[in-house]
């Protein structure tokens, strides 16, 4: 009898969680639709085969990983010179007991600049350990920025030209997210998913960063292949 009672409680809890998940997802989609309207973007709530998305952004992490890729809750639109595509992205790795689903919030901006491959991501404990071992990233005069972000680029001069003092101040005011630049695309991502009220700030962060790219850098990188 006790076993049946516990089993019944377990079933009720599972049903409650399932209902909560459905309601929360619907509420989030409604909020995303409102954000899209405010930004002047289109909103597509449907799930799509993520392989086409992974192919489009193959030069960026995390699109080079996993299987069973899916993209959903897509916001698309143009603001000034920037074309945006934001979406929830998930993929699977491993098998059996090691099977795991990874979820990310993605913000991609197609911009009027051709960047050298450059990555700016929040600094982690393993980065700090690597620096002690002599594997250093690109550091800047701002100790706060260098402590917060790990920067990597094969062309250090280009990194210093793009991440100048004003750009550093801008990035320090932005949410601590993972930035990647390659060609005419900037990809900003975070683990999990963007909250609806985060999206306008992410869009504005990308816009502000692109505005700060010096004209001489734009002329230089636009004139040579990446």
N, C-alpha and C. Protein backbone atom coordinates (compact mmCIF):
# COMPACT_ATOMS: atom_id res chain seq x y z
N UNK A 1 0.82 -1.20 0.00
CA UNK A 1 0.00 0.00 0.00
C UNK A 1 0.85 1.26 0.00
N UNK A 2 1.91 1.24 0.86
CA UNK A 2 2.81 2.40 0.90
C UNK A 2 3.49 2.62 -0.45
N UNK A 3 3.85 1.50 -1.11
CA UNK A 3 4.50 1.63 -2.42
C UNK A 3 3.57 2.25 -3.44
N UNK A 4 2.27 1.86 -3.41
CA UNK A 4 1.31 2.45 -4.32
C UNK A 4 1.11 3.94 -4.03
N UNK A 5 1.13 4.28 -2.75
CA UNK A 5 0.96 5.68 -2.36
C UNK A 5 2.12 6.53 -2.87
N UNK A 6 3.35 6.03 -2.67
CA UNK A 6 4.53 6.76 -3.16
C UNK A 6 4.53 6.85 -4.68
N UNK A 7 4.11 5.77 -5.35
CA UNK A 7 4.05 5.78 -6.82
C UNK A 7 3.04 6.82 -7.30
N UNK A 8 1.89 6.89 -6.60
CA UNK A 8 0.90 7.88 -6.97
C UNK A 8 1.41 9.30 -6.80
N UNK A 9 2.12 9.56 -5.69
CA UNK A 9 2.73 10.88 -5.47
C UNK A 9 3.72 11.20 -6.58
N UNK A 10 4.52 10.20 -6.96
CA UNK A 10 5.53 10.38 -8.00
C UNK A 10 4.89 10.77 -9.33
N UNK A 11 3.77 10.08 -9.68
CA UNK A 11 3.06 10.38 -10.93
C UNK A 11 2.49 11.79 -10.89
N UNK A 12 1.92 12.18 -9.76
CA UNK A 12 1.35 13.52 -9.63
C UNK A 12 2.43 14.58 -9.79
N UNK A 13 3.59 14.36 -9.19
CA UNK A 13 4.70 15.32 -9.30
C UNK A 13 5.16 15.43 -10.75
N UNK A 14 5.27 14.30 -11.44
CA UNK A 14 5.69 14.32 -12.85
C UNK A 14 4.69 15.09 -13.70
N UNK A 15 3.39 14.86 -13.46
CA UNK A 15 2.37 15.57 -14.23
C UNK A 15 2.42 17.07 -13.94
N UNK A 16 2.63 17.42 -12.68
CA UNK A 16 2.72 18.84 -12.32
C UNK A 16 3.91 19.50 -13.00
N UNK A 17 5.03 18.80 -13.02
CA UNK A 17 6.22 19.35 -13.68
C UNK A 17 6.00 19.50 -15.18
N UNK A 18 5.34 18.52 -15.78
CA UNK A 18 5.07 18.58 -17.23
C UNK A 18 4.15 19.75 -17.55
N UNK A 19 3.11 19.94 -16.73
CA UNK A 19 2.18 21.06 -16.96
C UNK A 19 2.90 22.38 -16.77
N UNK A 20 3.73 22.47 -15.72
CA UNK A 20 4.48 23.70 -15.46
C UNK A 20 5.40 24.02 -16.63
N UNK A 21 6.05 22.97 -17.19
CA UNK A 21 6.98 23.18 -18.31
C UNK A 21 6.24 23.71 -19.53
N UNK A 22 5.06 23.14 -19.82
CA UNK A 22 4.28 23.59 -20.97
C UNK A 22 3.82 25.03 -20.79
N UNK A 23 3.33 25.34 -19.60
CA UNK A 23 2.85 26.70 -19.32
C UNK A 23 3.99 27.70 -19.40
N UNK A 24 5.15 27.34 -18.81
CA UNK A 24 6.31 28.24 -18.82
C UNK A 24 6.80 28.49 -20.25
N UNK A 25 6.82 27.42 -21.07
CA UNK A 25 7.26 27.56 -22.47
C UNK A 25 6.31 28.46 -23.25
N UNK A 26 5.00 28.30 -23.02
CA UNK A 26 4.02 29.14 -23.71
C UNK A 26 4.15 30.60 -23.28
N UNK A 27 4.36 30.81 -21.99
CA UNK A 27 4.53 32.17 -21.48
C UNK A 27 5.78 32.82 -22.06
N UNK A 28 6.86 32.04 -22.17
CA UNK A 28 8.10 32.58 -22.74
C UNK A 28 7.92 32.91 -24.22
N UNK A 29 7.23 32.05 -24.96
CA UNK A 29 7.00 32.33 -26.38
C UNK A 29 6.19 33.61 -26.57
N UNK A 30 5.20 33.81 -25.71
CA UNK A 30 4.41 35.04 -25.78
C UNK A 30 5.31 36.25 -25.54
N UNK A 31 6.19 36.14 -24.53
CA UNK A 31 7.11 37.25 -24.23
C UNK A 31 8.09 37.48 -25.37
N UNK A 32 8.58 36.40 -26.00
CA UNK A 32 9.49 36.54 -27.13
C UNK A 32 8.80 37.23 -28.31
N UNK A 33 7.54 36.87 -28.53
CA UNK A 33 6.79 37.52 -29.60
C UNK A 33 6.64 39.01 -29.36
N UNK A 34 6.45 39.40 -28.10
CA UNK A 34 6.34 40.82 -27.78
C UNK A 34 7.67 41.53 -27.97
N UNK A 35 8.77 40.89 -27.57
CA UNK A 35 10.10 41.47 -27.78
C UNK A 35 10.37 41.65 -29.27
N UNK A 36 10.00 40.64 -30.07
CA UNK A 36 10.19 40.74 -31.52
C UNK A 36 9.41 41.93 -32.07
N UNK A 37 8.19 42.11 -31.60
CA UNK A 37 7.38 43.24 -32.07
C UNK A 37 8.03 44.56 -31.70
N UNK A 38 8.56 44.67 -30.48
CA UNK A 38 9.21 45.90 -30.04
C UNK A 38 10.45 46.21 -30.86
N UNK A 39 11.19 45.16 -31.26
CA UNK A 39 12.41 45.35 -32.04
C UNK A 39 12.13 45.50 -33.53
N UNK A 40 10.91 45.22 -33.95
CA UNK A 40 10.59 45.23 -35.37
C UNK A 40 11.06 43.97 -36.07
N UNK A 41 11.17 42.86 -35.33
CA UNK A 41 11.64 41.59 -35.88
C UNK A 41 10.45 40.67 -36.16
N UNK A 42 10.70 39.66 -36.99
CA UNK A 42 9.75 38.57 -37.18
C UNK A 42 10.02 37.51 -36.12
N UNK A 43 8.98 36.79 -35.72
CA UNK A 43 9.14 35.73 -34.72
C UNK A 43 8.56 34.43 -35.25
N UNK A 44 9.37 33.37 -35.22
CA UNK A 44 8.96 32.04 -35.66
C UNK A 44 9.17 31.08 -34.49
N UNK A 45 8.10 30.61 -33.90
CA UNK A 45 8.18 29.77 -32.71
C UNK A 45 8.47 28.31 -33.02
N UNK A 46 8.30 27.89 -34.28
CA UNK A 46 8.42 26.48 -34.63
C UNK A 46 9.86 25.99 -34.52
N UNK A 47 10.01 24.69 -34.28
CA UNK A 47 11.32 24.06 -34.25
C UNK A 47 11.75 23.72 -35.68
N UNK A 48 13.03 23.90 -35.97
CA UNK A 48 13.57 23.64 -37.30
C UNK A 48 14.76 22.69 -37.19
N UNK A 49 15.00 21.97 -38.27
CA UNK A 49 16.19 21.12 -38.35
C UNK A 49 17.42 22.01 -38.17
N UNK A 50 18.21 21.72 -37.16
CA UNK A 50 19.35 22.58 -36.85
C UNK A 50 20.56 22.37 -37.74
N UNK A 51 20.53 21.35 -38.62
CA UNK A 51 21.69 21.11 -39.47
C UNK A 51 21.94 22.28 -40.42
N UNK A 52 20.87 22.86 -40.95
CA UNK A 52 21.03 24.01 -41.85
C UNK A 52 21.61 25.19 -41.09
N UNK A 53 21.16 25.38 -39.85
CA UNK A 53 21.69 26.46 -39.01
C UNK A 53 23.15 26.20 -38.69
N UNK A 54 23.47 24.94 -38.36
CA UNK A 54 24.86 24.59 -38.04
C UNK A 54 25.76 24.81 -39.25
N UNK A 55 25.24 24.51 -40.44
CA UNK A 55 26.04 24.73 -41.65
C UNK A 55 26.26 26.23 -41.87
N UNK A 56 25.23 27.04 -41.62
CA UNK A 56 25.35 28.48 -41.83
C UNK A 56 26.39 29.10 -40.90
N UNK A 57 26.50 28.55 -39.70
CA UNK A 57 27.43 29.11 -38.70
C UNK A 57 28.51 28.10 -38.32
N UNK A 58 28.95 27.32 -39.30
CA UNK A 58 29.88 26.23 -39.02
C UNK A 58 31.21 26.70 -38.45
N UNK A 59 31.58 27.95 -38.69
CA UNK A 59 32.87 28.45 -38.21
C UNK A 59 32.83 28.85 -36.74
N UNK A 60 31.67 28.69 -36.10
CA UNK A 60 31.50 29.16 -34.73
C UNK A 60 31.13 28.02 -33.79
N UNK A 61 31.54 28.17 -32.54
CA UNK A 61 31.12 27.28 -31.48
C UNK A 61 29.73 27.74 -31.01
N UNK A 62 28.78 26.85 -30.72
CA UNK A 62 28.88 25.39 -30.59
C UNK A 62 28.37 24.62 -31.80
N UNK A 63 28.34 25.23 -32.98
CA UNK A 63 27.69 24.61 -34.14
C UNK A 63 28.51 23.48 -34.75
N UNK A 64 29.74 23.31 -34.31
CA UNK A 64 30.58 22.24 -34.84
C UNK A 64 30.48 20.98 -33.99
N UNK A 65 29.49 20.92 -33.10
CA UNK A 65 29.39 19.79 -32.18
C UNK A 65 28.02 19.12 -32.25
N UNK A 66 28.00 17.84 -31.88
CA UNK A 66 26.76 17.15 -31.60
C UNK A 66 25.95 16.70 -32.79
N UNK A 67 24.78 16.17 -32.47
CA UNK A 67 23.83 15.66 -33.46
C UNK A 67 22.42 16.03 -32.98
N UNK A 68 21.42 15.61 -33.75
CA UNK A 68 20.01 15.91 -33.41
C UNK A 68 19.86 17.40 -33.09
N UNK A 69 20.38 18.23 -33.98
CA UNK A 69 20.36 19.67 -33.75
C UNK A 69 18.98 20.25 -34.04
N UNK A 70 18.59 21.21 -33.21
CA UNK A 70 17.31 21.87 -33.39
C UNK A 70 17.45 23.36 -33.07
N UNK A 71 16.76 24.17 -33.85
CA UNK A 71 16.68 25.61 -33.59
C UNK A 71 15.21 25.97 -33.49
N UNK A 72 14.88 26.81 -32.53
CA UNK A 72 13.47 27.19 -32.36
C UNK A 72 13.38 28.60 -31.79
N UNK A 73 12.15 29.11 -31.74
CA UNK A 73 11.91 30.46 -31.21
C UNK A 73 12.84 31.48 -31.87
N UNK A 74 12.75 31.56 -33.18
CA UNK A 74 13.67 32.37 -33.98
C UNK A 74 13.14 33.80 -34.14
N UNK A 75 13.99 34.76 -33.82
CA UNK A 75 13.70 36.17 -34.07
C UNK A 75 14.63 36.64 -35.17
N UNK A 76 14.07 37.24 -36.23
CA UNK A 76 14.89 37.75 -37.33
C UNK A 76 14.48 39.17 -37.66
N UNK A 77 15.49 39.98 -37.99
CA UNK A 77 15.17 41.34 -38.39
C UNK A 77 16.41 42.17 -38.62
N UNK A 78 16.20 43.34 -39.16
CA UNK A 78 17.30 44.25 -39.49
C UNK A 78 17.16 45.53 -38.68
N UNK A 79 18.30 45.99 -38.16
CA UNK A 79 18.36 47.27 -37.47
C UNK A 79 19.56 48.03 -38.04
N UNK A 80 19.29 49.08 -38.78
CA UNK A 80 20.37 49.81 -39.42
C UNK A 80 21.12 48.93 -40.40
N UNK A 81 22.43 48.82 -40.21
CA UNK A 81 23.27 48.01 -41.11
C UNK A 81 23.39 46.56 -40.66
N UNK A 82 22.80 46.20 -39.54
CA UNK A 82 22.97 44.87 -38.98
C UNK A 82 21.73 44.00 -39.19
N UNK A 83 21.97 42.78 -39.64
CA UNK A 83 20.91 41.80 -39.82
C UNK A 83 21.03 40.77 -38.69
N UNK A 84 19.96 40.62 -37.89
CA UNK A 84 20.02 39.77 -36.70
C UNK A 84 19.23 38.48 -36.88
N UNK A 85 19.73 37.43 -36.23
CA UNK A 85 19.02 36.17 -36.12
C UNK A 85 19.30 35.63 -34.71
N UNK A 86 18.26 35.54 -33.89
CA UNK A 86 18.39 35.04 -32.52
C UNK A 86 17.49 33.82 -32.35
N UNK A 87 17.98 32.81 -31.62
CA UNK A 87 17.19 31.59 -31.50
C UNK A 87 17.69 30.72 -30.36
N UNK A 88 16.82 29.79 -29.96
CA UNK A 88 17.21 28.73 -29.03
C UNK A 88 17.83 27.61 -29.85
N UNK A 89 18.93 27.05 -29.36
CA UNK A 89 19.63 26.01 -30.10
C UNK A 89 19.95 24.86 -29.16
N UNK A 90 19.75 23.65 -29.64
CA UNK A 90 20.09 22.49 -28.82
C UNK A 90 20.68 21.39 -29.70
N UNK A 91 21.50 20.53 -29.08
CA UNK A 91 22.05 19.37 -29.76
C UNK A 91 22.38 18.31 -28.72
N UNK A 92 22.64 17.12 -29.18
CA UNK A 92 22.88 15.98 -28.30
C UNK A 92 24.28 15.43 -28.51
N UNK A 93 24.92 15.02 -27.42
CA UNK A 93 26.20 14.32 -27.49
C UNK A 93 26.11 13.06 -26.65
N UNK A 94 27.02 12.12 -26.92
CA UNK A 94 27.08 10.90 -26.13
C UNK A 94 25.96 9.93 -26.44
N UNK A 95 26.05 8.76 -25.78
CA UNK A 95 25.05 7.71 -25.95
C UNK A 95 24.78 7.04 -24.61
N UNK A 96 23.63 6.39 -24.53
CA UNK A 96 23.31 5.65 -23.31
C UNK A 96 23.30 6.54 -22.09
N UNK A 97 24.00 6.09 -21.04
CA UNK A 97 24.07 6.85 -19.79
C UNK A 97 24.81 8.17 -19.96
N UNK A 98 25.64 8.24 -21.00
CA UNK A 98 26.42 9.46 -21.24
C UNK A 98 25.73 10.43 -22.19
N UNK A 99 24.52 10.09 -22.60
CA UNK A 99 23.78 10.97 -23.52
C UNK A 99 23.41 12.27 -22.81
N UNK A 100 23.63 13.37 -23.49
CA UNK A 100 23.37 14.68 -22.88
C UNK A 100 22.85 15.66 -23.92
N UNK A 101 21.86 16.44 -23.54
CA UNK A 101 21.33 17.49 -24.41
C UNK A 101 21.90 18.83 -23.96
N UNK A 102 22.47 19.57 -24.91
CA UNK A 102 23.08 20.88 -24.62
C UNK A 102 22.17 21.96 -25.20
N UNK A 103 21.93 23.01 -24.44
CA UNK A 103 21.04 24.09 -24.86
C UNK A 103 21.78 25.43 -24.78
N UNK A 104 21.57 26.24 -25.82
CA UNK A 104 22.22 27.55 -25.89
C UNK A 104 21.24 28.60 -26.39
N UNK A 105 21.46 29.82 -25.95
CA UNK A 105 20.81 30.96 -26.55
C UNK A 105 21.78 31.60 -27.52
N UNK A 106 21.37 31.81 -28.75
CA UNK A 106 22.25 32.30 -29.82
C UNK A 106 21.76 33.64 -30.34
N UNK A 107 22.69 34.56 -30.50
CA UNK A 107 22.40 35.84 -31.17
C UNK A 107 23.46 36.03 -32.25
N UNK A 108 23.05 35.98 -33.51
CA UNK A 108 23.98 36.16 -34.63
C UNK A 108 23.67 37.48 -35.33
N UNK A 109 24.71 38.24 -35.62
CA UNK A 109 24.55 39.52 -36.31
C UNK A 109 25.43 39.52 -37.56
N UNK A 110 24.83 39.78 -38.71
CA UNK A 110 25.57 39.93 -39.96
C UNK A 110 25.86 41.43 -40.10
N UNK A 111 27.15 41.76 -40.19
CA UNK A 111 27.59 43.15 -40.04
C UNK A 111 28.39 43.61 -41.26
N UNK A 112 28.52 44.95 -41.44
CA UNK A 112 29.24 45.49 -42.60
C UNK A 112 30.75 45.58 -42.37
N UNK A 113 31.31 44.57 -41.71
CA UNK A 113 32.75 44.50 -41.45
C UNK A 113 33.16 43.05 -41.64
N UNK A 114 34.37 42.83 -42.14
CA UNK A 114 34.89 41.47 -42.22
C UNK A 114 35.97 41.32 -41.16
N UNK A 115 35.62 40.61 -40.09
CA UNK A 115 36.52 40.43 -38.96
C UNK A 115 37.53 39.31 -39.22
N UNK A 116 38.71 39.48 -38.65
CA UNK A 116 39.60 38.34 -38.50
C UNK A 116 39.01 37.45 -37.41
N UNK A 117 39.26 36.14 -37.41
CA UNK A 117 38.70 35.27 -36.37
C UNK A 117 39.14 35.75 -34.97
N UNK A 118 38.18 36.03 -34.13
CA UNK A 118 38.43 36.62 -32.81
C UNK A 118 37.39 36.09 -31.84
N UNK A 119 37.83 35.75 -30.64
CA UNK A 119 36.91 35.22 -29.63
C UNK A 119 37.13 35.95 -28.31
N UNK A 120 36.01 36.35 -27.69
CA UNK A 120 36.02 36.99 -26.38
C UNK A 120 35.03 36.23 -25.52
N UNK A 121 35.52 35.57 -24.48
CA UNK A 121 34.61 34.80 -23.64
C UNK A 121 34.95 35.00 -22.16
N UNK A 122 33.97 34.81 -21.30
CA UNK A 122 34.24 34.96 -19.87
C UNK A 122 35.38 34.05 -19.42
N UNK A 123 36.28 34.59 -18.64
CA UNK A 123 37.43 33.82 -18.16
C UNK A 123 36.99 32.84 -17.09
N UNK A 124 37.45 31.58 -17.20
CA UNK A 124 37.12 30.53 -16.24
C UNK A 124 38.32 30.13 -15.42
N UNK A 125 38.09 29.25 -14.48
CA UNK A 125 39.15 28.80 -13.58
C UNK A 125 40.27 28.09 -14.35
N UNK A 126 39.89 27.34 -15.40
CA UNK A 126 40.92 26.62 -16.17
C UNK A 126 41.78 27.60 -16.97
N UNK A 127 41.21 28.73 -17.39
CA UNK A 127 42.00 29.76 -18.07
C UNK A 127 43.03 30.34 -17.12
N UNK A 128 42.63 30.56 -15.87
CA UNK A 128 43.56 31.11 -14.88
C UNK A 128 44.68 30.12 -14.60
N UNK A 129 44.33 28.84 -14.51
CA UNK A 129 45.36 27.82 -14.30
C UNK A 129 46.30 27.75 -15.50
N UNK A 130 45.74 27.87 -16.72
CA UNK A 130 46.56 27.83 -17.91
C UNK A 130 47.53 29.01 -17.95
N UNK A 131 47.09 30.17 -17.49
CA UNK A 131 47.96 31.34 -17.49
C UNK A 131 49.14 31.13 -16.54
N UNK A 132 48.91 30.46 -15.42
CA UNK A 132 50.00 30.15 -14.50
C UNK A 132 51.00 29.20 -15.13
N UNK A 133 50.50 28.35 -16.05
CA UNK A 133 51.36 27.37 -16.71
C UNK A 133 52.05 27.97 -17.94
N UNK A 134 51.78 29.25 -18.22
CA UNK A 134 52.45 29.91 -19.33
C UNK A 134 51.63 29.98 -20.60
N UNK A 135 50.41 29.43 -20.59
CA UNK A 135 49.54 29.50 -21.77
C UNK A 135 48.62 30.71 -21.62
N UNK A 136 49.13 31.85 -22.02
CA UNK A 136 48.42 33.10 -21.76
C UNK A 136 47.54 33.50 -22.93
N UNK A 137 46.46 34.19 -22.62
CA UNK A 137 45.63 34.77 -23.67
C UNK A 137 46.12 36.18 -23.95
N UNK A 138 45.38 36.93 -24.76
CA UNK A 138 45.76 38.30 -25.07
C UNK A 138 45.27 39.20 -23.93
N UNK A 139 46.19 39.89 -23.30
CA UNK A 139 45.85 40.76 -22.18
C UNK A 139 45.84 42.22 -22.61
N UNK A 140 45.11 43.02 -21.85
CA UNK A 140 44.93 44.43 -22.18
C UNK A 140 45.28 45.28 -20.97
N UNK A 141 45.40 46.60 -21.20
CA UNK A 141 45.77 47.49 -20.11
C UNK A 141 44.72 47.51 -19.01
N UNK A 142 43.47 47.25 -19.37
CA UNK A 142 42.40 47.20 -18.36
C UNK A 142 42.49 45.87 -17.62
N UNK A 143 42.91 45.93 -16.35
CA UNK A 143 43.02 44.69 -15.56
C UNK A 143 41.64 44.09 -15.33
N UNK A 144 40.63 44.94 -15.19
CA UNK A 144 39.27 44.44 -14.98
C UNK A 144 38.81 43.63 -16.19
N UNK A 145 39.08 44.14 -17.39
CA UNK A 145 38.68 43.44 -18.60
C UNK A 145 39.46 42.14 -18.76
N UNK A 146 40.78 42.19 -18.54
CA UNK A 146 41.61 41.00 -18.70
C UNK A 146 41.26 39.92 -17.68
N UNK A 147 40.80 40.35 -16.49
CA UNK A 147 40.39 39.37 -15.48
C UNK A 147 39.03 38.77 -15.80
N UNK A 148 38.20 39.53 -16.50
CA UNK A 148 36.84 39.07 -16.79
C UNK A 148 36.76 38.23 -18.05
N UNK A 149 37.59 38.57 -19.05
CA UNK A 149 37.47 37.91 -20.36
C UNK A 149 38.77 37.25 -20.80
N UNK A 150 38.60 36.14 -21.48
CA UNK A 150 39.70 35.46 -22.17
C UNK A 150 39.56 35.82 -23.65
N UNK A 151 40.61 36.40 -24.22
CA UNK A 151 40.58 36.85 -25.62
C UNK A 151 41.59 36.05 -26.42
N UNK A 152 41.15 35.51 -27.56
CA UNK A 152 42.07 34.77 -28.43
C UNK A 152 41.88 35.22 -29.86
N UNK A 153 43.01 35.39 -30.55
CA UNK A 153 43.01 35.79 -31.96
C UNK A 153 44.40 35.52 -32.51
N UNK A 154 44.48 34.97 -33.72
CA UNK A 154 45.78 34.70 -34.32
C UNK A 154 46.51 35.99 -34.68
N UNK A 155 45.77 37.06 -34.83
CA UNK A 155 46.34 38.37 -35.21
C UNK A 155 46.18 39.31 -34.02
N UNK A 156 47.22 39.39 -33.17
CA UNK A 156 47.14 40.21 -31.96
C UNK A 156 46.94 41.69 -32.29
N UNK A 157 47.59 42.16 -33.34
CA UNK A 157 47.44 43.56 -33.71
C UNK A 157 45.98 43.88 -34.02
N UNK A 158 45.33 42.97 -34.75
CA UNK A 158 43.93 43.17 -35.07
C UNK A 158 43.09 43.19 -33.79
N UNK A 159 43.39 42.28 -32.85
CA UNK A 159 42.64 42.24 -31.59
C UNK A 159 42.76 43.56 -30.85
N UNK A 160 43.96 44.11 -30.79
CA UNK A 160 44.17 45.38 -30.09
C UNK A 160 43.48 46.53 -30.82
N UNK A 161 43.43 46.47 -32.14
CA UNK A 161 42.77 47.54 -32.91
C UNK A 161 41.26 47.52 -32.70
N UNK A 162 40.68 46.33 -32.62
CA UNK A 162 39.24 46.21 -32.46
C UNK A 162 38.82 46.40 -31.00
N UNK A 163 39.60 45.82 -30.08
CA UNK A 163 39.27 45.93 -28.65
C UNK A 163 40.10 47.06 -28.07
N UNK A 164 39.76 48.26 -28.44
CA UNK A 164 40.45 49.46 -27.97
C UNK A 164 39.80 49.92 -26.66
N UNK A 165 40.33 50.94 -25.99
CA UNK A 165 39.79 51.33 -24.67
C UNK A 165 38.29 51.60 -24.64
N UNK A 166 37.75 52.27 -25.66
CA UNK A 166 36.31 52.55 -25.66
C UNK A 166 35.51 51.26 -25.83
N UNK A 167 36.00 50.35 -26.67
CA UNK A 167 35.32 49.06 -26.85
C UNK A 167 35.38 48.24 -25.57
N UNK A 168 36.49 48.33 -24.85
CA UNK A 168 36.61 47.63 -23.57
C UNK A 168 35.57 48.14 -22.57
N UNK A 169 35.43 49.47 -22.50
CA UNK A 169 34.43 50.04 -21.60
C UNK A 169 33.03 49.57 -21.98
N UNK A 170 32.78 49.48 -23.28
CA UNK A 170 31.47 49.02 -23.76
C UNK A 170 31.24 47.57 -23.34
N UNK A 171 32.23 46.70 -23.55
CA UNK A 171 32.08 45.29 -23.22
C UNK A 171 31.91 45.08 -21.72
N UNK A 172 32.56 45.92 -20.92
CA UNK A 172 32.42 45.80 -19.47
C UNK A 172 31.01 46.17 -19.01
N UNK A 173 30.32 46.97 -19.81
CA UNK A 173 28.93 47.33 -19.48
C UNK A 173 27.94 46.30 -20.00
N UNK A 174 28.39 45.43 -20.89
CA UNK A 174 27.51 44.43 -21.49
C UNK A 174 27.41 43.19 -20.60
N UNK A 175 26.39 42.37 -20.80
CA UNK A 175 26.31 41.10 -20.07
C UNK A 175 27.55 40.26 -20.38
N UNK A 176 28.06 39.49 -19.41
CA UNK A 176 29.26 38.68 -19.63
C UNK A 176 28.95 37.43 -20.46
N UNK A 177 28.96 37.60 -21.77
CA UNK A 177 28.60 36.53 -22.69
C UNK A 177 29.80 36.12 -23.54
N UNK A 178 29.61 35.10 -24.33
CA UNK A 178 30.66 34.56 -25.20
C UNK A 178 30.50 35.18 -26.59
N UNK A 179 31.51 35.97 -27.02
CA UNK A 179 31.49 36.64 -28.33
C UNK A 179 32.45 35.92 -29.27
N UNK A 180 32.01 35.75 -30.53
CA UNK A 180 32.89 35.25 -31.58
C UNK A 180 32.68 36.10 -32.83
N UNK A 181 33.78 36.39 -33.52
CA UNK A 181 33.73 37.17 -34.75
C UNK A 181 34.53 36.45 -35.81
N UNK A 182 33.95 36.38 -36.99
CA UNK A 182 34.65 35.74 -38.11
C UNK A 182 33.95 36.18 -39.39
N UNK A 183 34.72 36.74 -40.32
CA UNK A 183 34.11 37.25 -41.53
C UNK A 183 33.16 38.39 -41.19
N UNK A 184 31.99 38.38 -41.78
CA UNK A 184 31.03 39.45 -41.52
C UNK A 184 29.95 39.05 -40.52
N UNK A 185 30.30 38.12 -39.62
CA UNK A 185 29.33 37.63 -38.64
C UNK A 185 29.89 37.74 -37.22
N UNK A 186 29.04 38.19 -36.31
CA UNK A 186 29.30 38.13 -34.88
C UNK A 186 28.29 37.16 -34.28
N UNK A 187 28.77 36.20 -33.51
CA UNK A 187 27.89 35.28 -32.80
C UNK A 187 28.11 35.48 -31.30
N UNK A 188 27.02 35.75 -30.60
CA UNK A 188 27.05 35.88 -29.14
C UNK A 188 26.18 34.76 -28.59
N UNK A 189 26.73 34.02 -27.62
CA UNK A 189 25.90 32.95 -27.07
C UNK A 189 26.08 32.81 -25.57
N UNK A 190 25.14 32.10 -24.98
CA UNK A 190 25.19 31.75 -23.57
C UNK A 190 24.60 30.36 -23.38
N UNK A 191 24.99 29.69 -22.30
CA UNK A 191 24.39 28.40 -21.98
C UNK A 191 22.95 28.60 -21.57
N UNK A 192 22.11 27.63 -21.88
CA UNK A 192 20.69 27.74 -21.56
C UNK A 192 19.96 28.47 -22.66
N UNK A 193 19.29 29.55 -22.31
CA UNK A 193 18.55 30.34 -23.29
C UNK A 193 18.49 31.78 -22.81
N UNK A 194 18.38 32.70 -23.75
CA UNK A 194 18.21 34.09 -23.38
C UNK A 194 16.82 34.30 -22.78
N UNK A 195 16.77 35.02 -21.68
CA UNK A 195 15.47 35.46 -21.18
C UNK A 195 14.95 36.54 -22.14
N UNK A 196 13.65 36.62 -22.33
CA UNK A 196 13.11 37.62 -23.26
C UNK A 196 13.62 39.03 -22.98
N UNK A 197 13.72 39.42 -21.70
CA UNK A 197 14.15 40.79 -21.41
C UNK A 197 15.65 41.00 -21.59
N UNK A 198 16.40 39.92 -21.84
CA UNK A 198 17.83 40.04 -22.14
C UNK A 198 18.08 40.39 -23.60
N UNK A 199 17.16 40.01 -24.46
CA UNK A 199 17.40 40.09 -25.90
C UNK A 199 17.65 41.52 -26.39
N UNK A 200 16.84 42.52 -26.00
CA UNK A 200 17.13 43.88 -26.47
C UNK A 200 18.53 44.34 -26.08
N UNK A 201 18.97 43.98 -24.89
CA UNK A 201 20.30 44.41 -24.46
C UNK A 201 21.40 43.72 -25.26
N UNK A 202 21.20 42.45 -25.61
CA UNK A 202 22.18 41.74 -26.44
C UNK A 202 22.27 42.38 -27.82
N UNK A 203 21.12 42.70 -28.39
CA UNK A 203 21.08 43.36 -29.70
C UNK A 203 21.80 44.71 -29.63
N UNK A 204 21.52 45.49 -28.59
CA UNK A 204 22.16 46.79 -28.44
C UNK A 204 23.66 46.64 -28.19
N UNK A 205 24.06 45.58 -27.50
CA UNK A 205 25.49 45.34 -27.27
C UNK A 205 26.23 45.12 -28.58
N UNK A 206 25.65 44.30 -29.46
CA UNK A 206 26.26 44.05 -30.76
C UNK A 206 26.32 45.33 -31.59
N UNK A 207 25.22 46.08 -31.59
CA UNK A 207 25.18 47.33 -32.35
C UNK A 207 26.25 48.30 -31.85
N UNK A 208 26.35 48.44 -30.54
CA UNK A 208 27.33 49.36 -29.97
C UNK A 208 28.76 48.96 -30.29
N UNK A 209 29.03 47.65 -30.25
CA UNK A 209 30.38 47.18 -30.55
C UNK A 209 30.76 47.48 -31.99
N UNK A 210 29.84 47.19 -32.91
CA UNK A 210 30.14 47.41 -34.34
C UNK A 210 30.36 48.90 -34.61
N UNK A 211 29.59 49.76 -33.96
CA UNK A 211 29.77 51.20 -34.16
C UNK A 211 31.16 51.65 -33.74
N UNK A 212 31.78 50.93 -32.81
CA UNK A 212 33.08 51.33 -32.28
C UNK A 212 34.26 50.79 -33.08
N UNK A 213 34.00 49.96 -34.09
CA UNK A 213 35.10 49.47 -34.92
C UNK A 213 35.67 50.65 -35.69
N UNK A 214 36.96 50.98 -35.51
CA UNK A 214 37.54 52.16 -36.17
C UNK A 214 37.44 52.07 -37.69
N UNK A 215 37.29 53.23 -38.32
CA UNK A 215 37.17 53.27 -39.78
C UNK A 215 38.38 52.67 -40.48
N UNK A 216 39.58 52.90 -39.92
CA UNK A 216 40.77 52.37 -40.59
C UNK A 216 40.80 50.85 -40.51
N UNK A 217 40.22 50.28 -39.47
CA UNK A 217 40.12 48.82 -39.36
C UNK A 217 39.11 48.29 -40.36
N UNK A 218 37.97 48.98 -40.49
CA UNK A 218 36.96 48.57 -41.47
C UNK A 218 37.56 48.56 -42.87
N UNK A 219 38.28 49.61 -43.21
CA UNK A 219 38.86 49.70 -44.55
C UNK A 219 39.88 48.59 -44.78
N UNK A 220 40.68 48.31 -43.75
CA UNK A 220 41.74 47.32 -43.87
C UNK A 220 41.15 45.92 -44.03
N UNK A 221 40.25 45.52 -43.11
CA UNK A 221 39.75 44.16 -43.14
C UNK A 221 38.79 43.94 -44.29
N UNK A 222 38.09 44.97 -44.74
CA UNK A 222 37.20 44.81 -45.88
C UNK A 222 37.97 44.67 -47.18
N UNK A 223 39.23 45.12 -47.18
CA UNK A 223 40.03 45.11 -48.39
C UNK A 223 40.83 43.82 -48.56
N UNK A 224 40.90 43.00 -47.51
CA UNK A 224 41.70 41.79 -47.62
C UNK A 224 40.87 40.57 -47.26
N UNK A 225 41.21 39.39 -47.80
CA UNK A 225 40.42 38.19 -47.52
C UNK A 225 40.60 37.73 -46.09
N UNK A 226 39.59 37.05 -45.55
CA UNK A 226 39.69 36.48 -44.20
C UNK A 226 40.10 35.03 -44.31
